[in-house]
Amino acid sequence: MIDLELITCPQSGTWPYVLVFVHWLGSIRRRAPVLSAHHCLLRRAMSSVRVIHASYVNVPATAAPPPGPIKLTAMEAPWVVLPELQHVLLYEGQDMPPFDDILLSLRSSLAATLGSFAPLAGKLVHLEDTGDVAIACSTSDGVRFVVAECDGDMRHLAGDEEHDVRVLERLVPGVDMGELPTPVLAVQATRFEGGVAVGVTVHHGVADGRSLWTFVEAWAAACRGEAHAVTAPSFDRSLVKLPGGEELARSLLRKYAPNVPKVAMLAPPLVEDCARTTRRTFSLDSRDTSNASRSASSVSAKPTARPRLAPRPTSSPSPRSLGRASSGASRSPRTTT
């Protein structure tokens, strides 16, 4: 699933600043023009992404990566089978620097950031002798950096009421994560007419959304020349104390990824359901957010009707009904993330 953000370039040329698109599941006033279905399909047919070349950004030789593999803990092992995290950031503005200058800035700041985030330049590997999955990294590792170009218009892609998800999917680098070893991170810079897109793909077993954005914020700070704006992370696994320790992580791997180093990713139906969803952009001002807040408050303030209790049975329940009740009560609650 791809997250979309728009990054605008102010007139001063300072780069980058983030303006997050707000997705709201309510009734609000839409300020974007409504396009006909024919117009949207025609525009999408005209947009294509072409990869120009790919290279690697290495960890600085002066960096000190962890001395050995970083084993996944029991909190991380089940996430090995989940699809990768993908984010797209769109930079738009009339005073954008030349694309070659942007690439140079992105590459140099990425290399500097990897000095503190060296595991993201490594590979996720299977340790056959112990059965663990771990991150192996060294100064010779690097992050794949893809350079591409799109003949579509940046403002159209970001401003459409319904976004072209197929084009957005091509703005992030593809990484085959179905078998270990596999890269942890890859990035892509795509040139647009009037803008640049930066796509990031990271293995879900290595980083969650918060961890990924910590890295992106550090990268952006380095790009602005603020190398010490973000606190460097700690990769010391001795700080994680869990009952069962490493053996618990191995048991979870045997359950969720029994054929490791081959990894069967998440069941296709759920992935297909995500692909069928649509993504829209809504514009909100202070009045809209105030109205939404008042509406939410009024809904939460309304008293809810108490459920009516079923009458007490006059006879003993049958063994069949007891079996249904006990089997239902024994189920653990489902957790949605």
C-alpha atoms as a PDB file:
ATOM      1  CA  MET A   1       0.000   0.000   0.000  1.00  0.00           C
ATOM      2  CA  ILE A   2       1.353   3.387  -0.976  1.00  0.00           C
ATOM      3  CA  ASP A   3       1.161   6.531   1.111  1.00  0.00           C
ATOM      4  CA  LEU A   4       1.103   9.801  -0.815  1.00  0.00           C
ATOM      5  CA  GLU A   5       2.409  13.150   0.307  1.00  0.00           C
ATOM      6  CA  LEU A   6       2.906  16.453  -1.485  1.00  0.00           C
ATOM      7  CA  ILE A   7       5.982  18.515  -0.759  1.00  0.00           C
ATOM      8  CA  THR A   8       5.802  22.081  -1.989  1.00  0.00           C
ATOM      9  CA  CYS A   9       8.760  24.265  -2.858  1.00  0.00           C
ATOM     10  CA  PRO A  10       8.378  27.790  -1.431  1.00  0.00           C
ATOM     11  CA  GLN A  11       9.476  30.795  -3.426  1.00  0.00           C
ATOM     12  CA  SER A  12      12.707  31.020  -1.435  1.00  0.00           C
ATOM     13  CA  GLY A  13      13.808  27.732  -2.945  1.00  0.00           C
ATOM     14  CA  THR A  14      14.300  26.016   0.421  1.00  0.00           C
ATOM     15  CA  TRP A  15      13.855  22.279  -0.058  1.00  0.00           C
ATOM     16  CA  PRO A  16      12.139  20.181   1.224  1.00  0.00           C
ATOM     17  CA  TYR A  17       9.068  21.030   3.308  1.00  0.00           C
ATOM     18  CA  VAL A  18       6.231  18.570   3.786  1.00  0.00           C
ATOM     19  CA  LEU A  19       2.534  19.199   3.269  1.00  0.00           C
ATOM     20  CA  VAL A  20       0.603  16.039   3.983  1.00  0.00           C
ATOM     21  CA  PHE A  21      -2.530  15.291   2.018  1.00  0.00           C
ATOM     22  CA  VAL A  22      -5.442  14.818   4.410  1.00  0.00           C
ATOM     23  CA  HIS A  23      -7.725  11.863   3.690  1.00  0.00           C
ATOM     24  CA  TRP A  24     -11.102  12.276   5.348  1.00  0.00           C
ATOM     25  CA  LEU A  25     -13.901   9.726   5.399  1.00  0.00           C
ATOM     26  CA  GLY A  26     -16.673  12.219   5.883  1.00  0.00           C
ATOM     27  CA  SER A  27     -18.873  14.719   4.132  1.00  0.00           C
ATOM     28  CA  ILE A  28     -16.833  17.833   3.387  1.00  0.00           C
ATOM     29  CA  ARG A  29     -16.711  20.465   0.695  1.00  0.00           C
ATOM     30  CA  ARG A  30     -14.416  19.489  -2.183  1.00  0.00           C
ATOM     31  CA  ARG A  31     -12.422  22.272  -3.753  1.00  0.00           C
ATOM     32  CA  ALA A  32     -10.822  20.212  -6.525  1.00  0.00           C
ATOM     33  CA  PRO A  33     -12.537  20.385  -9.925  1.00  0.00           C
ATOM     34  CA  VAL A  34     -14.596  17.365 -10.840  1.00  0.00           C
ATOM     35  CA  LEU A  35     -13.189  15.663 -13.946  1.00  0.00           C
ATOM     36  CA  SER A  36     -15.144  13.505 -16.326  1.00  0.00           C
ATOM     37  CA  ALA A  37     -14.356   9.784 -16.399  1.00  0.00           C
ATOM     38  CA  HIS A  38     -13.238  10.080 -20.042  1.00  0.00           C
ATOM     39  CA  HIS A  39     -10.856  12.913 -19.173  1.00  0.00           C
ATOM     40  CA  CYS A  40      -9.358  10.957 -16.265  1.00  0.00           C
ATOM     41  CA  LEU A  41      -8.832   7.828 -18.372  1.00  0.00           C
ATOM     42  CA  LEU A  42      -7.263   9.844 -21.190  1.00  0.00           C
ATOM     43  CA  ARG A  43      -4.879  11.565 -18.801  1.00  0.00           C
ATOM     44  CA  ARG A  44      -3.857   8.281 -17.208  1.00  0.00           C
ATOM     45  CA  ALA A  45      -3.230   6.675 -20.582  1.00  0.00           C
ATOM     46  CA  MET A  46      -0.802   9.488 -21.377  1.00  0.00           C
ATOM     47  CA  SER A  47       1.266   9.063 -18.178  1.00  0.00           C
ATOM     48  CA  SER A  48       4.187   6.639 -18.266  1.00  0.00           C
ATOM     49  CA  VAL A  49       7.287   6.118 -16.137  1.00  0.00           C
ATOM     50  CA  ARG A  50      10.629   5.159 -17.681  1.00  0.00           C
ATOM     51  CA  VAL A  51      13.653   4.008 -15.675  1.00  0.00           C
ATOM     52  CA  ILE A  52      16.829   5.775 -16.828  1.00  0.00           C
ATOM     53  CA  HIS A  53      19.445   3.993 -14.728  1.00  0.00           C
ATOM     54  CA  ALA A  54      20.108   2.488 -11.305  1.00  0.00           C
ATOM     55  CA  SER A  55      23.141   2.577  -9.031  1.00  0.00           C
ATOM     56  CA  TYR A  56      24.012   2.102  -5.370  1.00  0.00           C
ATOM     57  CA  VAL A  57      24.616   4.576  -2.560  1.00  0.00           C
ATOM     58  CA  ASN A  58      27.117   3.052  -0.146  1.00  0.00           C
ATOM     59  CA  VAL A  59      27.516   3.444   3.575  1.00  0.00           C
ATOM     60  CA  PRO A  60      30.380   5.877   4.319  1.00  0.00           C
ATOM     61  CA  ALA A  61      33.694   4.125   4.943  1.00  0.00           C
ATOM     62  CA  THR A  62      34.009   6.050   8.194  1.00  0.00           C
ATOM     63  CA  ALA A  63      30.746   4.603   9.537  1.00  0.00           C
ATOM     64  CA  ALA A  64      30.766   1.876  12.162  1.00  0.00           C
ATOM     65  CA  PRO A  65      27.984  -0.612  11.359  1.00  0.00           C
ATOM     66  CA  PRO A  66      26.953  -3.181  13.977  1.00  0.00           C
ATOM     67  CA  PRO A  67      29.689  -5.827  14.351  1.00  0.00           C
ATOM     68  CA  GLY A  68      27.414  -8.773  13.655  1.00  0.00           C
ATOM     69  CA  PRO A  69      24.001  -9.673  12.227  1.00  0.00           C
ATOM     70  CA  ILE A  70      21.030  -8.053  13.945  1.00  0.00           C
ATOM     71  CA  LYS A  71      18.576 -10.845  14.709  1.00  0.00           C
ATOM     72  CA  LEU A  72      14.884 -10.087  14.464  1.00  0.00           C
ATOM     73  CA  THR A  73      13.093 -10.282  17.790  1.00  0.00           C
ATOM     74  CA  ALA A  74       9.762 -11.963  18.454  1.00  0.00           C
ATOM     75  CA  MET A  75       8.065  -8.600  17.911  1.00  0.00           C
ATOM     76  CA  GLU A  76       9.528  -8.351  14.397  1.00  0.00           C
ATOM     77  CA  ALA A  77       9.627 -11.946  13.141  1.00  0.00           C
ATOM     78  CA  PRO A  78       5.909 -12.222  12.179  1.00  0.00           C
ATOM     79  CA  TRP A  79       6.224  -9.130   9.972  1.00  0.00           C
ATOM     80  CA  VAL A  80       8.601 -10.913   7.603  1.00  0.00           C
ATOM     81  CA  VAL A  81       5.636 -12.172   5.576  1.00  0.00           C
ATOM     82  CA  LEU A  82       3.924  -8.785   5.228  1.00  0.00           C
ATOM     83  CA  PRO A  83       4.188  -6.715   2.031  1.00  0.00           C
ATOM     84  CA  GLU A  84       6.841  -4.039   1.937  1.00  0.00           C
ATOM     85  CA  LEU A  85       6.178  -0.461   3.049  1.00  0.00           C
ATOM     86  CA  GLN A  86       6.094   2.033   0.181  1.00  0.00           C
ATOM     87  CA  HIS A  87       5.867   5.814   0.384  1.00  0.00           C
ATOM     88  CA  VAL A  88       5.799   8.462  -2.344  1.00  0.00           C
ATOM     89  CA  LEU A  89       6.756  12.090  -1.748  1.00  0.00           C
ATOM     90  CA  LEU A  90       5.932  14.635  -4.452  1.00  0.00           C
ATOM     91  CA  TYR A  91       8.008  17.815  -4.695  1.00  0.00           C
ATOM     92  CA  GLU A  92       6.374  20.558  -6.751  1.00  0.00           C
ATOM     93  CA  GLY A  93       7.322  24.167  -7.472  1.00  0.00           C
ATOM     94  CA  GLN A  94       8.251  26.627 -10.188  1.00  0.00           C
ATOM     95  CA  ASP A  95      11.698  27.342  -8.726  1.00  0.00           C
ATOM     96  CA  MET A  96      12.914  23.748  -8.491  1.00  0.00           C
ATOM     97  CA  PRO A  97      16.680  23.242  -8.862  1.00  0.00           C
ATOM     98  CA  PRO A  98      17.912  21.352 -11.951  1.00  0.00           C
ATOM     99  CA  PHE A  99      17.205  17.629 -11.754  1.00  0.00           C
ATOM    100  CA  ASP A 100      20.914  16.726 -11.791  1.00  0.00           C
ATOM    101  CA  ASP A 101      21.492  19.003  -8.798  1.00  0.00           C
ATOM    102  CA  ILE A 102      18.590  17.368  -6.984  1.00  0.00           C
ATOM    103  CA  LEU A 103      20.033  13.909  -7.654  1.00  0.00           C
ATOM    104  CA  LEU A 104      23.423  14.982  -6.336  1.00  0.00           C
ATOM    105  CA  SER A 105      21.818  16.383  -3.191  1.00  0.00           C
ATOM    106  CA  LEU A 106      19.681  13.283  -2.648  1.00  0.00           C
ATOM    107  CA  ARG A 107      22.593  10.880  -3.110  1.00  0.00           C
ATOM    108  CA  SER A 108      25.070  12.749  -0.916  1.00  0.00           C
ATOM    109  CA  SER A 109      22.558  13.290   1.892  1.00  0.00           C
ATOM    110  CA  LEU A 110      21.428   9.650   1.665  1.00  0.00           C
ATOM    111  CA  ALA A 111      25.021   8.469   2.055  1.00  0.00           C
ATOM    112  CA  ALA A 112      25.482  10.731   5.068  1.00  0.00           C
ATOM    113  CA  THR A 113      22.252   9.454   6.639  1.00  0.00           C
ATOM    114  CA  LEU A 114      23.229   5.814   6.133  1.00  0.00           C
ATOM    115  CA  GLY A 115      26.170   6.459   8.413  1.00  0.00           C
ATOM    116  CA  SER A 116      23.674   6.403  11.298  1.00  0.00           C
ATOM    117  CA  PHE A 117      21.202   3.962   9.691  1.00  0.00           C
ATOM    118  CA  ALA A 118      23.674   1.401   8.304  1.00  0.00           C
ATOM    119  CA  PRO A 119      21.318  -1.617   8.771  1.00  0.00           C
ATOM    120  CA  LEU A 120      18.952  -0.107   6.180  1.00  0.00           C
ATOM    121  CA  ALA A 121      21.724  -0.550   3.606  1.00  0.00           C
ATOM    122  CA  GLY A 122      22.106  -4.223   4.484  1.00  0.00           C
ATOM    123  CA  LYS A 123      20.259  -7.385   3.551  1.00  0.00           C
ATOM    124  CA  LEU A 124      17.735  -9.506   5.374  1.00  0.00           C
ATOM    125  CA  VAL A 125      19.286 -12.990   5.589  1.00  0.00           C
ATOM    126  CA  HIS A 126      18.478 -16.426   6.977  1.00  0.00           C
ATOM    127  CA  LEU A 127      21.015 -17.827   9.450  1.00  0.00           C
ATOM    128  CA  GLU A 128      20.868 -21.560   8.724  1.00  0.00           C
ATOM    129  CA  ASP A 129      22.882 -22.604  11.771  1.00  0.00           C
ATOM    130  CA  THR A 130      20.435 -21.037  14.245  1.00  0.00           C
ATOM    131  CA  GLY A 131      17.234 -20.636  12.214  1.00  0.00           C
ATOM    132  CA  ASP A 132      17.105 -16.893  12.831  1.00  0.00           C
ATOM    133  CA  VAL A 133      16.342 -14.131  10.337  1.00  0.00           C
ATOM    134  CA  ALA A 134      18.703 -11.207  10.721  1.00  0.00           C
ATOM    135  CA  ILE A 135      19.942  -8.001   9.116  1.00  0.00           C
ATOM    136  CA  ALA A 136      23.486  -8.352   7.794  1.00  0.00           C
ATOM    137  CA  CYS A 137      25.256  -5.101   7.012  1.00  0.00           C
ATOM    138  CA  SER A 138      28.756  -3.828   6.250  1.00  0.00           C
ATOM    139  CA  THR A 139      30.395  -0.757   4.752  1.00  0.00           C
ATOM    140  CA  SER A 140      30.425  -2.507   1.363  1.00  0.00           C
ATOM    141  CA  ASP A 141      26.634  -2.669   1.296  1.00  0.00           C
ATOM    142  CA  GLY A 142      24.527  -0.005  -0.337  1.00  0.00           C
ATOM    143  CA  VAL A 143      21.014   1.146  -1.129  1.00  0.00           C
ATOM    144  CA  ARG A 144      19.734   0.770  -4.673  1.00  0.00           C
ATOM    145  CA  PHE A 145      19.037   4.235  -6.103  1.00  0.00           C
ATOM    146  CA  VAL A 146      16.781   4.270  -9.178  1.00  0.00           C
ATOM    147  CA  VAL A 147      16.499   7.305 -11.456  1.00  0.00           C
ATOM    148  CA  ALA A 148      13.398   7.572 -13.657  1.00  0.00           C
ATOM    149  CA  GLU A 149      11.302  10.094 -15.539  1.00  0.00           C
ATOM    150  CA  CYS A 150       7.560  10.490 -16.058  1.00  0.00           C
ATOM    151  CA  ASP A 151       5.885  12.311 -18.927  1.00  0.00           C
ATOM    152  CA  GLY A 152       2.862  13.128 -16.765  1.00  0.00           C
ATOM    153  CA  ASP A 153       2.237  16.409 -14.991  1.00  0.00           C
ATOM    154  CA  MET A 154       3.045  16.553 -11.280  1.00  0.00           C
ATOM    155  CA  ARG A 155       0.126  18.836 -10.400  1.00  0.00           C
ATOM    156  CA  HIS A 156      -2.330  16.621 -12.260  1.00  0.00           C
ATOM    157  CA  LEU A 157      -1.074  13.505 -10.493  1.00  0.00           C
ATOM    158  CA  ALA A 158      -1.268  15.096  -7.051  1.00  0.00           C
ATOM    159  CA  GLY A 159      -4.365  17.194  -7.652  1.00  0.00           C
ATOM    160  CA  ASP A 160      -6.742  14.696  -9.254  1.00  0.00           C
ATOM    161  CA  GLU A 161      -9.804  14.048  -7.162  1.00  0.00           C
ATOM    162  CA  GLU A 162      -9.085  10.339  -7.663  1.00  0.00           C
ATOM    163  CA  HIS A 163      -5.360   9.613  -7.872  1.00  0.00           C
ATOM    164  CA  ASP A 164      -3.829   7.412 -10.553  1.00  0.00           C
ATOM    165  CA  VAL A 165      -2.665   4.559  -8.337  1.00  0.00           C
ATOM    166  CA  ARG A 166      -1.054   2.690 -11.238  1.00  0.00           C
ATOM    167  CA  VAL A 167       1.314   5.580 -11.911  1.00  0.00           C
ATOM    168  CA  LEU A 168       1.994   6.009  -8.196  1.00  0.00           C
ATOM    169  CA  GLU A 169       3.000   2.349  -7.990  1.00  0.00           C
ATOM    170  CA  ARG A 170       5.707   2.973 -10.588  1.00  0.00           C
ATOM    171  CA  LEU A 171       7.147   5.858  -8.571  1.00  0.00           C
ATOM    172  CA  VAL A 172       8.474   3.448  -5.926  1.00  0.00           C
ATOM    173  CA  PRO A 173      11.305   0.982  -6.636  1.00  0.00           C
ATOM    174  CA  GLY A 174      10.302  -2.635  -7.020  1.00  0.00           C
ATOM    175  CA  VAL A 175      12.086  -5.101  -4.740  1.00  0.00           C
ATOM    176  CA  ASP A 176      11.612  -8.879  -4.815  1.00  0.00           C
ATOM    177  CA  MET A 177      11.253  -9.804  -1.159  1.00  0.00           C
ATOM    178  CA  GLY A 178       9.935 -13.334  -1.635  1.00  0.00           C
ATOM    179  CA  GLU A 179      13.239 -15.045  -0.864  1.00  0.00           C
ATOM    180  CA  LEU A 180      16.150 -14.311   1.480  1.00  0.00           C
ATOM    181  CA  PRO A 181      18.627 -12.714   1.236  1.00  0.00           C
ATOM    182  CA  THR A 182      16.771  -9.604   0.121  1.00  0.00           C
ATOM    183  CA  PRO A 183      17.591  -5.886   0.227  1.00  0.00           C
ATOM    184  CA  VAL A 184      16.177  -3.948   3.133  1.00  0.00           C
ATOM    185  CA  LEU A 185      15.712  -0.565   1.438  1.00  0.00           C
ATOM    186  CA  ALA A 186      15.531   0.949  -2.053  1.00  0.00           C
ATOM    187  CA  VAL A 187      14.748   4.488  -3.235  1.00  0.00           C
ATOM    188  CA  GLN A 188      13.730   6.084  -6.526  1.00  0.00           C
ATOM    189  CA  ALA A 189      13.855   9.655  -7.826  1.00  0.00           C
ATOM    190  CA  THR A 190      11.530  10.424 -10.749  1.00  0.00           C
ATOM    191  CA  ARG A 191      11.654  13.594 -12.809  1.00  0.00           C
ATOM    192  CA  PHE A 192       8.335  15.258 -13.688  1.00  0.00           C
ATOM    193  CA  GLU A 193       7.337  18.337 -15.564  1.00  0.00           C
ATOM    194  CA  GLY A 194       7.426  20.867 -12.744  1.00  0.00           C
ATOM    195  CA  GLY A 195       8.458  18.540  -9.968  1.00  0.00           C
ATOM    196  CA  VAL A 196      10.236  15.484  -8.608  1.00  0.00           C
ATOM    197  CA  ALA A 197       8.917  12.340  -6.916  1.00  0.00           C
ATOM    198  CA  VAL A 198      10.905  10.420  -4.311  1.00  0.00           C
ATOM    199  CA  GLY A 199       9.750   6.860  -3.674  1.00  0.00           C
ATOM    200  CA  VAL A 200      10.904   4.660  -0.796  1.00  0.00           C
ATOM    201  CA  THR A 201      10.487   0.894  -0.393  1.00  0.00           C
ATOM    202  CA  VAL A 202      11.493  -0.828   2.855  1.00  0.00           C
ATOM    203  CA  HIS A 203      11.053  -4.369   4.162  1.00  0.00           C
ATOM    204  CA  HIS A 204       8.254  -4.488   6.728  1.00  0.00           C
ATOM    205  CA  GLY A 205      10.163  -6.953   8.885  1.00  0.00           C
ATOM    206  CA  VAL A 206      12.897  -4.376   9.432  1.00  0.00           C
ATOM    207  CA  ALA A 207      10.967  -1.133   9.915  1.00  0.00           C
ATOM    208  CA  ASP A 208       7.443  -0.049  10.742  1.00  0.00           C
ATOM    209  CA  GLY A 209       5.915   3.220   9.609  1.00  0.00           C
ATOM    210  CA  ARG A 210       7.328   5.220  12.517  1.00  0.00           C
ATOM    211  CA  SER A 211      10.840   3.847  11.983  1.00  0.00           C
ATOM    212  CA  LEU A 212      10.699   4.573   8.264  1.00  0.00           C
ATOM    213  CA  TRP A 213       9.650   8.183   8.826  1.00  0.00           C
ATOM    214  CA  THR A 214      12.410   8.629  11.393  1.00  0.00           C
ATOM    215  CA  PHE A 215      14.839   7.692   8.628  1.00  0.00           C
ATOM    216  CA  VAL A 216      13.100   9.948   6.079  1.00  0.00           C
ATOM    217  CA  GLU A 217      13.205  12.874   8.508  1.00  0.00           C
ATOM    218  CA  ALA A 218      16.919  12.285   9.088  1.00  0.00           C
ATOM    219  CA  TRP A 219      17.491  12.128   5.324  1.00  0.00           C
ATOM    220  CA  ALA A 220      15.563  15.371   4.797  1.00  0.00           C
ATOM    221  CA  ALA A 221      17.519  17.046   7.607  1.00  0.00           C
ATOM    222  CA  ALA A 222      20.814  16.006   6.007  1.00  0.00           C
ATOM    223  CA  CYS A 223      19.553  17.334   2.671  1.00  0.00           C
ATOM    224  CA  ARG A 224      18.954  20.697   4.346  1.00  0.00           C
ATOM    225  CA  GLY A 225      22.377  20.628   5.981  1.00  0.00           C
ATOM    226  CA  GLU A 226      21.014  19.826   9.452  1.00  0.00           C
ATOM    227  CA  ALA A 227      23.015  16.660  10.031  1.00  0.00           C
ATOM    228  CA  HIS A 228      22.374  16.548  13.783  1.00  0.00           C
ATOM    229  CA  ALA A 229      18.668  17.446  13.716  1.00  0.00           C
ATOM    230  CA  VAL A 230      17.551  13.818  14.304  1.00  0.00           C
ATOM    231  CA  THR A 231      18.821  11.584  17.105  1.00  0.00           C
ATOM    232  CA  ALA A 232      20.646   8.510  15.811  1.00  0.00           C
ATOM    233  CA  PRO A 233      18.825   5.218  16.493  1.00  0.00           C
ATOM    234  CA  SER A 234      20.090   2.372  18.666  1.00  0.00           C
ATOM    235  CA  PHE A 235      20.391  -1.161  17.277  1.00  0.00           C
ATOM    236  CA  ASP A 236      21.393  -2.803  20.564  1.00  0.00           C
ATOM    237  CA  ARG A 237      19.234  -5.931  20.781  1.00  0.00           C
ATOM    238  CA  SER A 238      20.339  -6.594  24.365  1.00  0.00           C
ATOM    239  CA  LEU A 239      17.938  -3.833  25.400  1.00  0.00           C
ATOM    240  CA  VAL A 240      14.950  -5.946  24.266  1.00  0.00           C
ATOM    241  CA  LYS A 241      13.923  -8.356  27.015  1.00  0.00           C
ATOM    242  CA  LEU A 242      11.187 -10.840  26.063  1.00  0.00           C
ATOM    243  CA  PRO A 243      10.091 -14.113  27.670  1.00  0.00           C
ATOM    244  CA  GLY A 244      11.605 -16.924  25.656  1.00  0.00           C
ATOM    245  CA  GLY A 245      14.207 -14.670  24.073  1.00  0.00           C
ATOM    246  CA  GLU A 246      15.559 -15.746  20.691  1.00  0.00           C
ATOM    247  CA  GLU A 247      13.780 -19.104  20.785  1.00  0.00           C
ATOM    248  CA  LEU A 248      10.413 -17.327  20.827  1.00  0.00           C
ATOM    249  CA  ALA A 249      11.388 -15.463  17.650  1.00  0.00           C
ATOM    250  CA  ARG A 250      12.434 -18.744  15.996  1.00  0.00           C
ATOM    251  CA  SER A 251       9.135 -20.407  16.895  1.00  0.00           C
ATOM    252  CA  LEU A 252       7.213 -17.516  15.353  1.00  0.00           C
ATOM    253  CA  LEU A 253       9.319 -17.761  12.199  1.00  0.00           C
ATOM    254  CA  ARG A 254       8.549 -21.477  11.964  1.00  0.00           C
ATOM    255  CA  LYS A 255       4.857 -20.633  12.254  1.00  0.00           C
ATOM    256  CA  TYR A 256       4.623 -17.687   9.853  1.00  0.00           C
ATOM    257  CA  ALA A 257       7.498 -18.495   7.462  1.00  0.00           C
ATOM    258  CA  PRO A 258       7.948 -22.282   7.607  1.00  0.00           C
ATOM    259  CA  ASN A 259       9.791 -22.422   4.257  1.00  0.00           C
ATOM    260  CA  VAL A 260      12.353 -19.736   5.003  1.00  0.00           C
ATOM    261  CA  PRO A 261      14.575 -18.667   3.164  1.00  0.00           C
ATOM    262  CA  LYS A 262      11.579 -18.687   0.807  1.00  0.00           C
ATOM    263  CA  VAL A 263       8.953 -16.366   2.215  1.00  0.00           C
ATOM    264  CA  ALA A 264       5.305 -16.653   1.211  1.00  0.00           C
ATOM    265  CA  MET A 265       4.055 -13.090   1.424  1.00  0.00           C
ATOM    266  CA  LEU A 266       0.641 -12.101   2.718  1.00  0.00           C
ATOM    267  CA  ALA A 267      -2.339 -13.902   1.180  1.00  0.00           C
ATOM    268  CA  PRO A 268      -3.134 -12.447  -2.284  1.00  0.00           C
ATOM    269  CA  PRO A 269      -6.846 -11.666  -1.566  1.00  0.00           C
ATOM    270  CA  LEU A 270      -5.951  -8.981   0.981  1.00  0.00           C
ATOM    271  CA  VAL A 271      -3.357  -7.456  -1.347  1.00  0.00           C
ATOM    272  CA  GLU A 272      -5.891  -7.463  -4.191  1.00  0.00           C
ATOM    273  CA  ASP A 273      -8.463  -5.772  -1.963  1.00  0.00           C
ATOM    274  CA  CYS A 274      -5.954  -2.996  -1.256  1.00  0.00           C
ATOM    275  CA  ALA A 275      -5.275  -2.616  -4.978  1.00  0.00           C
ATOM    276  CA  ARG A 276      -8.989  -2.138  -5.665  1.00  0.00           C
ATOM    277  CA  THR A 277      -9.302   0.750  -3.247  1.00  0.00           C
ATOM    278  CA  THR A 278      -9.260   4.346  -4.460  1.00  0.00           C
ATOM    279  CA  ARG A 279      -7.294   7.292  -3.136  1.00  0.00           C
ATOM    280  CA  ARG A 280      -8.684  10.806  -3.163  1.00  0.00           C
ATOM    281  CA  THR A 281      -7.504  14.182  -1.924  1.00  0.00           C
ATOM    282  CA  PHE A 282      -9.699  16.601   0.001  1.00  0.00           C
ATOM    283  CA  SER A 283      -8.863  20.176   0.938  1.00  0.00           C
ATOM    284  CA  LEU A 284      -9.734  21.275   4.468  1.00  0.00           C
ATOM    285  CA  ASP A 285      -9.522  24.694   6.052  1.00  0.00           C
ATOM    286  CA  SER A 286      -9.983  25.665   9.697  1.00  0.00           C
ATOM    287  CA  ARG A 287     -13.752  25.928   9.248  1.00  0.00           C
ATOM    288  CA  ASP A 288     -13.973  22.379   7.893  1.00  0.00           C
ATOM    289  CA  THR A 289     -11.914  20.927  10.724  1.00  0.00           C
ATOM    290  CA  SER A 290     -13.982  22.824  13.307  1.00  0.00           C
ATOM    291  CA  ASN A 291     -17.220  21.494  11.810  1.00  0.00           C
ATOM    292  CA  ALA A 292     -15.829  17.966  11.762  1.00  0.00           C
ATOM    293  CA  SER A 293     -14.732  18.286  15.383  1.00  0.00           C
ATOM    294  CA  ARG A 294     -18.180  19.498  16.454  1.00  0.00           C
ATOM    295  CA  SER A 295     -19.856  16.685  14.526  1.00  0.00           C
ATOM    296  CA  ALA A 296     -17.629  14.088  16.169  1.00  0.00           C
ATOM    297  CA  SER A 297     -18.306  15.593  19.598  1.00  0.00           C
ATOM    298  CA  SER A 298     -22.062  15.565  19.073  1.00  0.00           C
ATOM    299  CA  VAL A 299     -22.001  11.932  17.979  1.00  0.00           C
ATOM    300  CA  SER A 300     -19.908  10.834  20.966  1.00  0.00           C
ATOM    301  CA  ALA A 301     -22.149  12.808  23.347  1.00  0.00           C
ATOM    302  CA  LYS A 302     -25.340  11.026  22.268  1.00  0.00           C
ATOM    303  CA  PRO A 303     -26.456   8.340  24.734  1.00  0.00           C
ATOM    304  CA  THR A 304     -26.391   4.845  23.349  1.00  0.00           C
ATOM    305  CA  ALA A 305     -29.272   2.465  23.865  1.00  0.00           C
ATOM    306  CA  ARG A 306     -28.543  -0.331  26.298  1.00  0.00           C
ATOM    307  CA  PRO A 307     -28.888  -3.766  24.725  1.00  0.00           C
ATOM    308  CA  ARG A 308     -31.912  -5.747  25.811  1.00  0.00           C
ATOM    309  CA  LEU A 309     -31.033  -8.850  27.751  1.00  0.00           C
ATOM    310  CA  ALA A 310     -32.326 -12.113  26.394  1.00  0.00           C
ATOM    311  CA  PRO A 311     -34.840 -13.874  28.651  1.00  0.00           C
ATOM    312  CA  ARG A 312     -33.427 -16.560  30.902  1.00  0.00           C
ATOM    313  CA  PRO A 313     -34.067 -19.989  29.391  1.00  0.00           C
ATOM    314  CA  THR A 314     -36.636 -22.079  31.229  1.00  0.00           C
ATOM    315  CA  SER A 315     -34.875 -25.338  30.408  1.00  0.00           C
ATOM    316  CA  SER A 316     -31.284 -26.474  30.292  1.00  0.00           C
ATOM    317  CA  PRO A 317     -29.465 -25.835  27.004  1.00  0.00           C
ATOM    318  CA  SER A 318     -28.784 -28.756  24.752  1.00  0.00           C
ATOM    319  CA  PRO A 319     -25.245 -30.149  24.360  1.00  0.00           C
ATOM    320  CA  ARG A 320     -25.226 -28.822  20.782  1.00  0.00           C
ATOM    321  CA  SER A 321     -25.891 -25.244  21.916  1.00  0.00           C
ATOM    322  CA  LEU A 322     -23.287 -25.554  24.681  1.00  0.00           C
ATOM    323  CA  GLY A 323     -20.729 -26.615  22.100  1.00  0.00           C
ATOM    324  CA  ARG A 324     -21.509 -23.567  19.991  1.00  0.00           C
ATOM    325  CA  ALA A 325     -21.257 -21.266  22.983  1.00  0.00           C
ATOM    326  CA  SER A 326     -17.996 -22.693  24.272  1.00  0.00           C
ATOM    327  CA  SER A 327     -16.344 -22.694  20.866  1.00  0.00           C
ATOM    328  CA  GLY A 328     -17.331 -19.081  20.326  1.00  0.00           C
ATOM    329  CA  ALA A 329     -16.122 -17.981  23.743  1.00  0.00           C
ATOM    330  CA  SER A 330     -12.746 -19.645  23.284  1.00  0.00           C
ATOM    331  CA  ARG A 331     -11.846 -17.580  20.267  1.00  0.00           C
ATOM    332  CA  SER A 332      -9.325 -14.847  20.854  1.00  0.00           C
ATOM    333  CA  PRO A 333     -10.320 -11.330  19.755  1.00  0.00           C
ATOM    334  CA  ARG A 334      -9.185 -10.234  16.322  1.00  0.00           C
ATOM    335  CA  THR A 335      -6.858  -7.283  16.174  1.00  0.00           C
ATOM    336  CA  THR A 336      -6.985  -4.883  13.263  1.00  0.00           C
ATOM    337  CA  THR A 337      -3.936  -2.788  12.471  1.00  0.00           C
END
